[in-house]
N, C-alpha and C. Protein backbone atom coordinates (compact mmCIF):
# COMPACT_ATOMS: atom_id res chain seq x y z
N MET A 1 -84.62 106.46 50.33
CA MET A 1 -83.05 105.87 50.12
C MET A 1 -82.92 105.36 51.09
N GLU A 2 -82.24 104.22 51.41
CA GLU A 2 -81.40 103.67 52.37
C GLU A 2 -80.80 103.17 52.68
N LYS A 3 -79.96 104.03 53.84
CA LYS A 3 -78.84 103.62 54.80
C LYS A 3 -77.87 102.62 54.43
N GLU A 4 -76.74 102.12 53.64
CA GLU A 4 -76.00 102.08 53.59
C GLU A 4 -74.91 100.96 54.77
N ASP A 5 -75.06 100.58 56.41
CA ASP A 5 -74.30 99.69 56.64
C ASP A 5 -72.79 99.98 56.21
N THR A 6 -72.21 101.45 57.00
CA THR A 6 -70.74 101.38 57.31
C THR A 6 -70.45 101.37 58.66
N LEU A 7 -69.13 101.73 58.80
CA LEU A 7 -68.81 101.36 60.04
C LEU A 7 -68.38 102.88 60.35
N PRO A 8 -68.84 103.25 61.86
CA PRO A 8 -68.18 104.22 62.51
C PRO A 8 -67.21 104.92 62.28
N PHE A 9 -67.10 105.55 62.09
CA PHE A 9 -65.68 106.47 61.56
C PHE A 9 -64.72 106.39 62.70
N ASN A 10 -64.54 106.67 63.94
CA ASN A 10 -63.47 106.05 65.02
C ASN A 10 -63.17 104.48 64.54
N ASP A 11 -63.89 103.39 64.00
CA ASP A 11 -63.58 102.55 63.82
C ASP A 11 -63.14 101.66 62.66
N CYS A 12 -62.65 103.34 61.32
CA CYS A 12 -61.86 103.43 60.49
C CYS A 12 -60.07 102.75 61.30
N ILE A 13 -59.17 102.15 61.22
CA ILE A 13 -58.43 101.48 61.32
C ILE A 13 -57.10 102.76 61.07
N CYS A 14 -57.33 102.92 59.27
CA CYS A 14 -56.42 104.36 58.85
C CYS A 14 -56.83 105.27 60.23
N PHE A 15 -57.94 105.53 60.38
CA PHE A 15 -58.53 107.00 61.16
C PHE A 15 -57.65 106.51 62.43
N GLN A 16 -57.95 105.36 62.81
CA GLN A 16 -57.37 104.91 64.22
C GLN A 16 -55.40 105.47 64.80
N LEU A 17 -55.01 104.55 63.48
CA LEU A 17 -53.20 104.62 63.31
C LEU A 17 -52.86 105.89 63.02
N GLY A 18 -53.54 107.00 62.89
CA GLY A 18 -52.73 108.87 62.03
C GLY A 18 -52.89 109.46 63.04
N LYS A 19 -54.20 108.91 63.84
CA LYS A 19 -54.58 109.65 65.15
C LYS A 19 -53.77 109.21 66.74
N THR A 20 -53.53 108.84 66.17
CA THR A 20 -51.95 107.35 67.80
C THR A 20 -50.36 108.20 66.95
N VAL A 21 -50.65 108.26 65.80
CA VAL A 21 -48.90 108.85 65.42
C VAL A 21 -48.87 110.10 65.38
N ARG A 22 -50.35 110.89 64.54
CA ARG A 22 -50.49 112.25 65.57
C ARG A 22 -50.05 112.47 66.61
N GLN A 23 -50.43 112.17 67.63
CA GLN A 23 -50.11 112.14 69.78
C GLN A 23 -48.89 111.59 69.68
N ILE A 24 -48.27 110.54 69.30
CA ILE A 24 -46.83 110.65 69.30
C ILE A 24 -45.67 111.54 68.86
N THR A 25 -46.31 112.06 67.50
CA THR A 25 -45.33 113.09 67.24
C THR A 25 -44.79 114.24 68.10
N LYS A 26 -46.00 114.35 68.34
CA LYS A 26 -47.37 115.72 68.60
C LYS A 26 -45.93 115.84 70.31
N ALA A 27 -45.26 114.43 70.53
CA ALA A 27 -44.80 114.53 71.89
C ALA A 27 -43.15 114.06 71.73
N TYR A 28 -43.10 114.69 70.59
CA TYR A 28 -41.94 115.07 70.59
C TYR A 28 -41.20 116.22 70.03
N ARG A 29 -42.68 116.51 69.48
CA ARG A 29 -42.44 118.10 68.57
C ARG A 29 -42.21 119.17 68.63
N LYS A 30 -42.04 119.80 70.92
CA LYS A 30 -41.49 120.55 70.82
C LYS A 30 -39.72 120.72 71.23
N GLU A 31 -39.34 119.51 71.89
CA GLU A 31 -38.36 118.75 71.45
C GLU A 31 -37.46 119.22 70.58
N LEU A 32 -37.93 118.66 69.39
CA LEU A 32 -37.41 118.74 67.52
C LEU A 32 -36.71 120.03 67.29
N ASN A 33 -37.97 120.77 67.41
CA ASN A 33 -37.86 122.27 66.98
C ASN A 33 -36.54 122.82 67.67
N SER A 34 -36.46 122.52 68.75
CA SER A 34 -35.52 123.48 69.36
C SER A 34 -33.91 122.30 68.60
N TYR A 35 -33.82 121.66 67.94
CA TYR A 35 -33.10 121.22 66.93
C TYR A 35 -33.21 121.64 65.66
N ASN A 36 -33.85 121.90 65.05
CA ASN A 36 -34.58 122.14 63.87
C ASN A 36 -34.22 121.14 62.95
N LEU A 37 -35.27 120.48 63.16
CA LEU A 37 -35.42 118.26 63.17
C LEU A 37 -37.20 118.69 62.60
N THR A 38 -37.09 117.96 61.63
CA THR A 38 -38.83 116.99 61.40
C THR A 38 -38.93 116.20 62.10
N HIS A 39 -39.37 115.28 62.24
CA HIS A 39 -39.77 114.21 62.41
C HIS A 39 -39.27 113.16 61.82
N GLY A 40 -39.40 113.24 60.73
CA GLY A 40 -39.07 112.65 59.82
C GLY A 40 -37.42 112.45 60.04
N GLN A 41 -36.96 112.97 59.67
CA GLN A 41 -35.48 113.74 60.10
C GLN A 41 -34.25 113.12 61.14
N PHE A 42 -34.96 113.16 62.31
CA PHE A 42 -35.13 112.25 63.77
C PHE A 42 -34.99 111.41 63.83
N PHE A 43 -36.05 110.79 62.91
CA PHE A 43 -36.05 108.94 62.52
C PHE A 43 -34.28 108.61 61.71
N MET A 44 -34.53 109.82 61.04
CA MET A 44 -33.92 109.58 60.33
C MET A 44 -32.16 110.06 60.64
N ILE A 45 -31.49 110.65 62.08
CA ILE A 45 -30.34 111.19 62.33
C ILE A 45 -29.99 109.80 63.24
N ILE A 46 -31.62 109.27 64.59
CA ILE A 46 -31.40 107.87 65.01
C ILE A 46 -31.21 106.85 64.48
N ALA A 47 -31.55 106.81 63.87
CA ALA A 47 -30.63 105.24 62.54
C ALA A 47 -29.65 105.17 62.87
N VAL A 48 -28.93 106.26 62.17
CA VAL A 48 -27.83 106.88 61.78
C VAL A 48 -26.52 107.48 62.96
N MET A 49 -27.04 107.17 64.02
CA MET A 49 -27.04 107.59 65.39
C MET A 49 -27.11 105.66 65.99
N ASP A 50 -27.72 105.35 65.67
CA ASP A 50 -27.70 103.61 65.57
C ASP A 50 -26.99 102.95 65.17
N GLU A 51 -25.95 103.04 64.32
CA GLU A 51 -25.35 101.82 62.55
C GLU A 51 -24.82 103.12 61.95
N GLU A 52 -23.57 103.78 62.80
CA GLU A 52 -23.21 104.11 61.43
C GLU A 52 -22.32 103.89 60.31
N GLY A 53 -22.14 104.30 58.82
CA GLY A 53 -21.43 104.09 58.48
C GLY A 53 -22.57 102.74 56.57
N LEU A 54 -24.36 102.43 57.39
CA LEU A 54 -24.84 102.54 56.73
C LEU A 54 -24.74 103.34 54.40
N LEU A 55 -25.41 102.19 53.66
CA LEU A 55 -25.25 102.43 52.95
C LEU A 55 -26.99 103.76 52.29
N PRO A 56 -27.62 104.63 51.85
CA PRO A 56 -28.30 105.87 51.90
C PRO A 56 -29.23 104.15 51.94
N SER A 57 -29.54 103.54 50.44
CA SER A 57 -30.25 102.43 50.58
C SER A 57 -30.70 101.72 51.65
N GLU A 58 -29.30 101.19 52.34
CA GLU A 58 -29.62 100.23 54.62
C GLU A 58 -30.81 101.22 54.60
N LEU A 59 -30.07 102.59 54.74
CA LEU A 59 -30.86 102.98 56.21
C LEU A 59 -32.43 103.02 55.43
N ALA A 60 -32.22 103.72 54.21
CA ALA A 60 -34.04 103.38 53.25
C ALA A 60 -34.51 102.29 54.34
N ASP A 61 -34.32 101.12 54.46
CA ASP A 61 -34.24 99.73 54.55
C ASP A 61 -34.63 100.34 55.57
N LYS A 62 -33.97 100.55 56.86
CA LYS A 62 -34.17 100.10 58.37
C LYS A 62 -35.42 101.02 59.30
N THR A 63 -35.63 101.63 58.15
CA THR A 63 -36.69 103.24 59.26
C THR A 63 -38.16 103.03 57.92
N ALA A 64 -37.74 101.83 57.02
CA ALA A 64 -39.14 102.16 56.11
C ALA A 64 -40.00 102.94 55.08
N GLN A 65 -38.62 103.60 54.44
CA GLN A 65 -38.33 104.56 53.85
C GLN A 65 -38.48 104.32 52.58
N ASP A 66 -39.20 104.66 51.18
CA ASP A 66 -38.06 105.07 50.45
C ASP A 66 -37.44 105.22 50.07
N ARG A 67 -36.75 105.13 49.13
CA ARG A 67 -35.25 105.82 48.71
C ARG A 67 -35.22 107.07 48.05
N ALA A 68 -36.08 107.50 47.93
CA ALA A 68 -36.17 109.25 47.44
C ALA A 68 -36.63 110.09 48.79
N THR A 69 -37.22 109.47 49.00
CA THR A 69 -37.98 109.81 50.67
C THR A 69 -36.36 109.86 51.53
N THR A 70 -35.62 109.09 51.62
CA THR A 70 -34.65 108.51 52.59
C THR A 70 -33.54 109.52 51.94
N THR A 71 -33.71 109.91 50.20
CA THR A 71 -32.56 110.93 50.02
C THR A 71 -32.25 112.74 50.51
N GLY A 72 -33.80 112.41 50.50
CA GLY A 72 -34.36 113.72 50.55
C GLY A 72 -33.53 113.97 52.74
N LEU A 73 -34.42 112.94 52.86
CA LEU A 73 -34.21 113.68 54.61
C LEU A 73 -32.09 113.73 54.86
N LEU A 74 -31.28 112.70 54.06
CA LEU A 74 -30.48 113.04 54.35
C LEU A 74 -29.86 114.02 53.06
N ASP A 75 -30.45 114.52 52.46
CA ASP A 75 -29.86 115.86 51.88
C ASP A 75 -29.60 117.10 52.75
N ARG A 76 -31.50 116.37 53.70
CA ARG A 76 -31.09 118.15 54.70
C ARG A 76 -30.52 117.91 55.66
N LEU A 77 -30.21 116.88 56.43
CA LEU A 77 -29.30 117.12 57.73
C LEU A 77 -28.06 116.89 57.05
N GLU A 78 -27.76 115.96 55.45
CA GLU A 78 -26.28 116.73 55.72
C GLU A 78 -26.24 118.19 55.82
N LYS A 79 -26.38 119.51 54.66
CA LYS A 79 -27.08 120.45 54.67
C LYS A 79 -27.05 121.03 56.21
N ASP A 80 -28.15 120.98 56.89
CA ASP A 80 -27.50 121.25 58.89
C ASP A 80 -26.29 121.32 58.96
N GLY A 81 -25.99 119.84 58.35
CA GLY A 81 -24.82 119.60 59.49
C GLY A 81 -24.55 118.36 60.20
N TRP A 82 -25.84 117.58 60.90
CA TRP A 82 -25.72 116.22 60.76
C TRP A 82 -25.01 115.29 60.54
N ILE A 83 -24.94 115.11 59.05
CA ILE A 83 -24.61 113.62 58.44
C ILE A 83 -23.66 113.83 57.43
N GLU A 84 -22.04 113.06 57.29
CA GLU A 84 -21.80 113.17 56.17
C GLU A 84 -22.06 112.51 55.38
N ARG A 85 -21.64 112.20 53.94
CA ARG A 85 -21.28 110.60 53.04
C ARG A 85 -20.27 110.89 52.91
N LYS A 86 -19.47 109.78 53.06
CA LYS A 86 -18.05 109.01 52.73
C LYS A 86 -18.34 108.42 51.24
N PRO A 87 -17.27 108.70 50.64
CA PRO A 87 -16.83 107.67 49.51
C PRO A 87 -17.01 106.21 50.18
N ASP A 88 -17.29 104.42 49.86
CA ASP A 88 -17.09 103.27 50.35
C ASP A 88 -16.06 102.96 50.27
N SER A 89 -14.49 102.57 51.20
CA SER A 89 -13.27 101.93 51.05
C SER A 89 -12.90 100.94 49.62
N LYS A 90 -14.12 100.32 49.45
CA LYS A 90 -14.47 98.76 49.11
C LYS A 90 -15.04 99.28 47.46
N ASP A 91 -15.71 100.37 46.77
CA ASP A 91 -16.58 100.99 45.94
C ASP A 91 -16.94 101.98 46.50
N ARG A 92 -16.18 103.19 45.38
CA ARG A 92 -15.80 104.55 45.61
C ARG A 92 -17.28 105.43 44.80
N ARG A 93 -18.13 104.22 44.13
CA ARG A 93 -19.28 104.56 43.66
C ARG A 93 -20.50 104.60 44.86
N SER A 94 -20.87 103.95 45.90
CA SER A 94 -20.89 104.23 46.75
C SER A 94 -20.60 105.60 48.17
N LEU A 95 -21.69 105.75 48.41
CA LEU A 95 -21.57 106.58 49.15
C LEU A 95 -22.01 106.22 51.01
N ARG A 96 -21.44 105.94 52.10
CA ARG A 96 -21.53 105.89 54.02
C ARG A 96 -21.98 107.11 54.17
N VAL A 97 -22.81 106.64 55.02
CA VAL A 97 -23.19 107.76 55.46
C VAL A 97 -22.86 107.87 57.50
N TYR A 98 -22.04 109.15 58.18
CA TYR A 98 -21.43 108.91 58.93
C TYR A 98 -22.28 110.52 59.93
N LEU A 99 -22.52 110.58 60.87
CA LEU A 99 -22.50 111.07 61.89
C LEU A 99 -21.15 112.64 61.59
N THR A 100 -21.23 114.05 62.08
CA THR A 100 -20.52 114.60 61.58
C THR A 100 -19.53 114.84 63.07
N SER A 101 -19.33 116.01 63.61
CA SER A 101 -18.77 116.57 64.76
C SER A 101 -20.14 116.67 65.61
N TYR A 102 -20.60 117.44 64.70
CA TYR A 102 -21.79 118.25 65.36
C TYR A 102 -23.01 117.14 65.64
N GLY A 103 -22.84 116.24 64.54
CA GLY A 103 -23.86 115.40 65.22
C GLY A 103 -23.29 114.70 66.45
N ARG A 104 -22.77 114.32 66.89
CA ARG A 104 -21.38 113.07 67.91
C ARG A 104 -21.91 114.64 68.41
N HIS A 105 -21.69 115.24 68.81
CA HIS A 105 -21.88 116.51 70.30
C HIS A 105 -23.68 116.21 70.39
N HIS A 106 -24.22 116.14 69.60
CA HIS A 106 -25.54 115.91 70.04
C HIS A 106 -26.40 114.88 70.97
N LYS A 107 -25.07 113.81 69.60
CA LYS A 107 -25.39 112.68 70.69
C LYS A 107 -26.70 111.92 71.48
N GLU A 108 -26.00 112.26 72.68
CA GLU A 108 -26.24 112.23 73.89
C GLU A 108 -27.62 113.00 74.64
N SER A 109 -28.21 113.89 74.12
CA SER A 109 -29.33 114.83 74.42
C SER A 109 -30.14 114.09 73.29
N ILE A 110 -30.02 113.61 71.76
CA ILE A 110 -30.92 113.25 70.79
C ILE A 110 -31.28 111.91 71.32
N LEU A 111 -30.76 110.70 71.31
CA LEU A 111 -30.76 109.54 72.25
C LEU A 111 -31.69 109.73 73.50
N LYS A 112 -31.48 110.41 74.12
CA LYS A 112 -32.40 110.22 75.12
C LYS A 112 -33.74 110.93 75.32
N LEU A 113 -33.53 111.62 74.32
CA LEU A 113 -34.88 112.93 73.95
C LEU A 113 -35.63 111.44 73.68
N PHE A 114 -34.90 110.73 72.57
CA PHE A 114 -35.72 109.66 71.87
C PHE A 114 -35.83 108.14 72.52
N GLU A 115 -35.60 108.66 73.87
CA GLU A 115 -35.22 107.02 75.22
C GLU A 115 -35.97 107.90 76.02
N GLU A 116 -36.94 108.61 75.97
CA GLU A 116 -37.42 109.57 77.39
C GLU A 116 -39.25 109.04 76.55
N THR A 117 -38.94 109.74 75.52
CA THR A 117 -40.40 109.60 74.74
C THR A 117 -40.79 108.74 75.07
N ASN A 118 -40.13 107.67 74.60
CA ASN A 118 -40.31 106.20 73.80
C ASN A 118 -41.00 105.70 74.79
N HIS A 119 -40.37 105.95 76.40
CA HIS A 119 -40.93 104.47 77.36
C HIS A 119 -42.32 105.88 77.68
N LYS A 120 -42.85 106.92 77.56
CA LYS A 120 -43.63 107.30 78.63
C LYS A 120 -44.81 106.74 77.08
N PHE A 121 -44.85 106.37 76.37
CA PHE A 121 -45.47 105.32 75.78
C PHE A 121 -46.13 104.06 75.76
N LEU A 122 -44.27 103.07 76.40
CA LEU A 122 -44.25 102.45 76.04
C LEU A 122 -44.86 101.69 77.49
N ASN A 123 -44.32 102.13 78.20
CA ASN A 123 -43.94 102.41 80.35
C ASN A 123 -46.37 102.33 80.05
N ARG A 124 -46.90 102.55 78.88
CA ARG A 124 -48.75 102.36 79.05
C ARG A 124 -48.84 101.44 78.45
N PHE A 125 -47.67 99.96 78.54
CA PHE A 125 -48.12 98.75 78.06
C PHE A 125 -47.19 97.96 79.25
N THR A 126 -47.93 96.62 79.25
CA THR A 126 -46.94 95.56 80.58
C THR A 126 -46.18 94.68 79.12
N GLN A 127 -45.05 94.08 79.82
CA GLN A 127 -43.85 93.56 78.46
C GLN A 127 -45.32 93.07 77.79
N ASP A 128 -45.84 92.50 78.39
CA ASP A 128 -46.55 90.91 77.00
C ASP A 128 -47.78 91.97 75.77
N GLU A 129 -48.29 92.79 76.87
CA GLU A 129 -49.02 93.74 75.58
C GLU A 129 -48.01 94.44 74.26
N TRP A 130 -47.24 95.00 75.47
CA TRP A 130 -46.38 95.28 73.90
C TRP A 130 -45.35 94.58 73.04
N VAL A 131 -45.52 92.56 73.20
CA VAL A 131 -45.11 92.05 72.21
C VAL A 131 -46.77 91.55 71.48
N GLN A 132 -47.57 91.72 71.91
CA GLN A 132 -48.61 91.99 71.63
C GLN A 132 -48.78 92.59 70.40
N MET A 133 -48.31 93.67 70.68
CA MET A 133 -48.55 95.01 69.51
C MET A 133 -47.55 95.19 68.93
N GLN A 134 -46.65 94.22 68.47
CA GLN A 134 -45.88 94.31 68.12
C GLN A 134 -45.46 93.16 67.04
N ASN A 135 -46.65 92.69 67.19
CA ASN A 135 -47.34 90.83 66.40
C ASN A 135 -48.79 91.28 65.68
N LEU A 136 -49.58 92.65 66.25
CA LEU A 136 -50.69 93.24 65.95
C LEU A 136 -50.08 93.85 64.60
N LEU A 137 -48.94 95.27 65.07
CA LEU A 137 -48.54 96.08 64.13
C LEU A 137 -47.51 95.19 62.66
N ASN A 138 -47.05 94.34 63.09
CA ASN A 138 -46.34 93.33 62.02
C ASN A 138 -47.51 92.64 61.13
N ARG A 139 -48.45 92.43 61.63
CA ARG A 139 -49.49 91.84 60.88
C ARG A 139 -50.48 92.82 59.89
N LEU A 140 -49.79 93.75 60.44
CA LEU A 140 -51.16 95.24 59.19
C LEU A 140 -49.98 95.62 58.40
N GLU A 141 -48.32 94.96 58.19
CA GLU A 141 -47.13 94.98 57.66
C GLU A 141 -47.26 94.48 56.63
N GLN A 142 -47.90 92.69 57.11
CA GLN A 142 -47.89 92.25 55.59
C GLN A 142 -48.99 91.92 54.76
N PRO A 143 -48.13 91.79 53.80
CA PRO A 143 -49.15 92.31 52.38
C PRO A 143 -50.27 91.81 52.03
N MET A 144 -51.15 91.98 51.30
CA MET A 144 -52.70 91.49 51.64
C MET A 144 -52.52 90.59 50.57
N ALA A 145 -53.59 89.52 50.82
CA ALA A 145 -54.24 88.88 50.05
C ALA A 145 -54.91 88.86 49.26
N ASN A 146 -55.14 88.11 47.97
CA ASN A 146 -55.59 88.13 46.88
C ASN A 146 -56.97 87.94 47.22
N THR A 147 -58.07 88.54 47.10
CA THR A 147 -59.10 87.74 47.68
C THR A 147 -60.26 88.14 46.50
């Protein structure tokens, strides 16, 4: 039986991207544990800190999460006292997301953790390399052409 031509395991883009994500996640893990936040909750709270008063659907778009995942993350953040949902002043059927006093109290340290950890990885690239990396990642996000 002949062996089919296959790519070596390490040439698999899904494996390489997953390995990279795990390494980056690991860099945040210890600090996140001290806030009792998961990786997903951390990025959702960063999104809220970046722009309060968004609708959950807007946060889903901003964080590239589906709406069900976003709802789960917001439920947990609300239960743990990080955020609160308030009725929209123009449409009482809609809820907007805001930091609580607890969330505001930790905002500076959370943003510092985000910036410092992000810079540890970004500093591995020149400005041109980072722009190129963003372009390459954006290309991967484009829908596949029908072949």
